[in-house]
N, C-alpha and C. Protein backbone atom coordinates (compact mmCIF):
# COMPACT_ATOMS: atom_id res chain seq x y z
N MET A 1 27.05 -11.71 6.23
CA MET A 1 26.45 -12.07 7.50
C MET A 1 26.54 -10.88 8.45
N THR A 2 25.48 -10.62 9.20
CA THR A 2 25.45 -9.54 10.16
C THR A 2 26.08 -10.00 11.47
N SER A 3 26.91 -9.15 12.04
CA SER A 3 27.52 -9.52 13.32
C SER A 3 26.50 -9.38 14.43
N VAL A 4 26.68 -10.14 15.49
CA VAL A 4 25.76 -10.12 16.62
C VAL A 4 25.72 -8.74 17.26
N SER A 5 26.82 -8.06 17.34
CA SER A 5 26.85 -6.74 17.98
C SER A 5 25.96 -5.74 17.26
N ALA A 6 25.75 -5.91 15.95
CA ALA A 6 24.88 -5.01 15.20
C ALA A 6 23.41 -5.24 15.52
N LEU A 7 23.07 -6.37 16.11
CA LEU A 7 21.69 -6.70 16.42
C LEU A 7 21.29 -6.33 17.85
N ILE A 8 22.23 -5.93 18.65
CA ILE A 8 21.95 -5.59 20.05
C ILE A 8 21.83 -4.08 20.17
N ALA A 9 20.71 -3.62 20.73
CA ALA A 9 20.50 -2.18 20.89
C ALA A 9 19.71 -1.94 22.16
N ASP A 10 19.82 -0.75 22.70
CA ASP A 10 19.04 -0.36 23.87
C ASP A 10 17.63 -0.01 23.41
N ALA A 11 16.64 -0.78 23.84
CA ALA A 11 15.25 -0.53 23.44
C ALA A 11 14.64 0.66 24.17
N LYS A 12 15.32 1.18 25.17
CA LYS A 12 14.84 2.32 25.96
C LYS A 12 13.46 2.04 26.53
N LEU A 13 13.36 0.87 27.22
CA LEU A 13 12.15 0.47 27.92
C LEU A 13 12.45 0.33 29.40
N ALA A 14 11.52 0.77 30.23
CA ALA A 14 11.64 0.58 31.68
C ALA A 14 11.37 -0.89 32.00
N PRO A 15 11.80 -1.36 33.17
CA PRO A 15 11.51 -2.74 33.55
C PRO A 15 10.00 -3.00 33.58
N LEU A 16 9.61 -4.24 33.37
CA LEU A 16 8.20 -4.62 33.41
C LEU A 16 7.62 -4.29 34.78
N ALA A 17 6.48 -3.62 34.78
CA ALA A 17 5.84 -3.22 36.04
C ALA A 17 4.32 -3.27 35.87
N VAL A 18 3.62 -3.49 36.97
CA VAL A 18 2.16 -3.47 36.94
C VAL A 18 1.72 -2.02 37.10
N ASP A 19 0.91 -1.55 36.16
CA ASP A 19 0.39 -0.18 36.17
C ASP A 19 -1.11 -0.29 35.95
N GLY A 20 -1.87 -0.10 37.00
CA GLY A 20 -3.31 -0.33 36.92
C GLY A 20 -3.57 -1.82 36.97
N LEU A 21 -4.27 -2.33 35.99
CA LEU A 21 -4.59 -3.76 35.96
C LEU A 21 -3.74 -4.54 34.95
N THR A 22 -2.71 -3.91 34.43
CA THR A 22 -1.93 -4.55 33.37
C THR A 22 -0.43 -4.38 33.60
N ALA A 23 0.35 -5.34 33.13
CA ALA A 23 1.81 -5.24 33.21
C ALA A 23 2.32 -4.63 31.91
N ILE A 24 3.18 -3.63 32.03
CA ILE A 24 3.69 -2.92 30.85
C ILE A 24 5.15 -2.54 31.04
N HIS A 25 5.80 -2.24 29.93
CA HIS A 25 7.11 -1.61 29.93
C HIS A 25 6.87 -0.16 29.52
N HIS A 26 7.11 0.79 30.42
CA HIS A 26 7.00 2.20 30.04
C HIS A 26 8.14 2.55 29.11
N LEU A 27 7.90 3.52 28.23
CA LEU A 27 8.93 3.99 27.31
C LEU A 27 9.84 4.98 28.04
N LEU A 28 11.13 4.84 27.86
CA LEU A 28 12.09 5.77 28.45
C LEU A 28 12.39 6.90 27.47
N SER A 29 12.89 8.00 28.00
CA SER A 29 13.27 9.14 27.18
C SER A 29 14.20 8.69 26.05
N GLY A 30 13.92 9.17 24.85
CA GLY A 30 14.73 8.81 23.70
C GLY A 30 14.21 7.62 22.92
N ASN A 31 13.16 6.96 23.42
CA ASN A 31 12.57 5.83 22.70
C ASN A 31 11.94 6.34 21.41
N ALA A 32 12.22 5.68 20.31
CA ALA A 32 11.73 6.12 19.01
C ALA A 32 10.21 6.03 18.86
N ALA A 33 9.52 5.31 19.75
CA ALA A 33 8.07 5.17 19.67
C ALA A 33 7.33 6.38 20.24
N ILE A 34 8.01 7.25 20.98
CA ILE A 34 7.37 8.41 21.60
C ILE A 34 6.99 9.42 20.52
N ASN A 35 5.71 9.80 20.51
CA ASN A 35 5.16 10.77 19.55
C ASN A 35 5.41 10.37 18.10
N ALA A 36 5.43 9.08 17.80
CA ALA A 36 5.78 8.61 16.46
C ALA A 36 4.60 8.14 15.62
N ALA A 37 3.40 8.03 16.20
CA ALA A 37 2.26 7.54 15.43
C ALA A 37 1.76 8.62 14.47
N PRO A 38 1.52 8.27 13.22
CA PRO A 38 1.05 9.27 12.26
C PRO A 38 -0.39 9.72 12.54
N SER A 39 -1.15 8.90 13.25
CA SER A 39 -2.51 9.28 13.64
C SER A 39 -2.92 8.46 14.86
N CYS A 40 -3.92 8.95 15.59
CA CYS A 40 -4.44 8.25 16.77
C CYS A 40 -5.88 7.83 16.47
N LEU A 41 -6.10 6.54 16.44
CA LEU A 41 -7.44 6.05 16.15
C LEU A 41 -8.23 5.72 17.40
N VAL A 42 -7.57 5.71 18.55
CA VAL A 42 -8.25 5.43 19.82
C VAL A 42 -7.99 6.58 20.78
N THR A 43 -8.88 6.78 21.74
CA THR A 43 -8.75 7.92 22.65
C THR A 43 -8.10 7.57 23.98
N VAL A 44 -7.98 6.27 24.30
CA VAL A 44 -7.34 5.84 25.55
C VAL A 44 -6.35 4.72 25.26
N ASP A 45 -5.35 4.56 26.16
CA ASP A 45 -4.40 3.47 26.00
C ASP A 45 -4.91 2.22 26.73
N GLN A 46 -4.09 1.18 26.84
CA GLN A 46 -4.55 -0.08 27.43
C GLN A 46 -4.89 0.04 28.90
N ARG A 47 -4.43 1.11 29.57
CA ARG A 47 -4.76 1.33 30.98
C ARG A 47 -6.00 2.18 31.13
N GLY A 48 -6.49 2.77 30.04
CA GLY A 48 -7.62 3.69 30.10
C GLY A 48 -7.20 5.14 30.22
N ALA A 49 -5.90 5.42 30.15
CA ALA A 49 -5.39 6.79 30.23
C ALA A 49 -5.60 7.49 28.88
N PRO A 50 -5.77 8.81 28.89
CA PRO A 50 -5.93 9.55 27.62
C PRO A 50 -4.78 9.27 26.66
N ARG A 51 -5.11 9.11 25.39
CA ARG A 51 -4.12 8.70 24.41
C ARG A 51 -3.19 9.82 23.95
N VAL A 52 -3.66 11.00 23.68
CA VAL A 52 -2.77 12.06 23.19
C VAL A 52 -2.33 12.95 24.34
N ARG A 53 -1.03 12.97 24.62
CA ARG A 53 -0.47 13.81 25.68
C ARG A 53 0.72 14.60 25.17
N GLY A 54 0.79 14.80 23.92
CA GLY A 54 1.90 15.52 23.30
C GLY A 54 1.53 15.84 21.86
N PRO A 55 2.53 16.08 21.03
CA PRO A 55 2.24 16.42 19.64
C PRO A 55 1.64 15.27 18.83
N ALA A 56 1.85 14.02 19.27
CA ALA A 56 1.30 12.85 18.57
C ALA A 56 1.21 11.68 19.56
N CYS A 57 0.56 10.62 19.15
CA CYS A 57 0.46 9.42 20.00
C CYS A 57 1.75 8.62 19.97
N GLU A 58 1.96 7.84 21.03
CA GLU A 58 3.05 6.90 21.05
C GLU A 58 2.67 5.67 20.23
N LEU A 59 3.64 5.00 19.66
CA LEU A 59 3.41 3.70 19.05
C LEU A 59 3.40 2.68 20.18
N GLY A 60 2.44 1.79 20.19
CA GLY A 60 2.37 0.78 21.24
C GLY A 60 1.17 0.99 22.14
N PRO A 61 1.06 0.18 23.18
CA PRO A 61 -0.16 0.15 23.99
C PRO A 61 -0.28 1.24 25.05
N VAL A 62 0.80 1.97 25.35
CA VAL A 62 0.79 2.91 26.47
C VAL A 62 1.21 4.30 26.02
N GLU A 63 0.44 5.29 26.44
CA GLU A 63 0.77 6.70 26.18
C GLU A 63 1.51 7.25 27.39
N GLU A 64 2.67 7.82 27.18
CA GLU A 64 3.48 8.34 28.27
C GLU A 64 3.12 9.79 28.55
N ALA A 65 3.33 10.20 29.79
CA ALA A 65 3.12 11.60 30.17
C ALA A 65 4.25 12.43 29.58
N GLU A 66 3.93 13.63 29.16
CA GLU A 66 4.95 14.52 28.61
C GLU A 66 5.75 15.15 29.72
């Protein structure tokens, strides 16, 4: 059986906030989703911001500024 403490981790997400017309959690520094997508199939994120702003796209709906 896995202990509960092994299941709790810091997701490195900012608090929920409205950005443009949508509510999102921005990724914080150190989040594993930053620059982790193997390819970018879309050119904008859910806010309409440019998708690639670094060496690769972020995983998830929002591309963070470098």
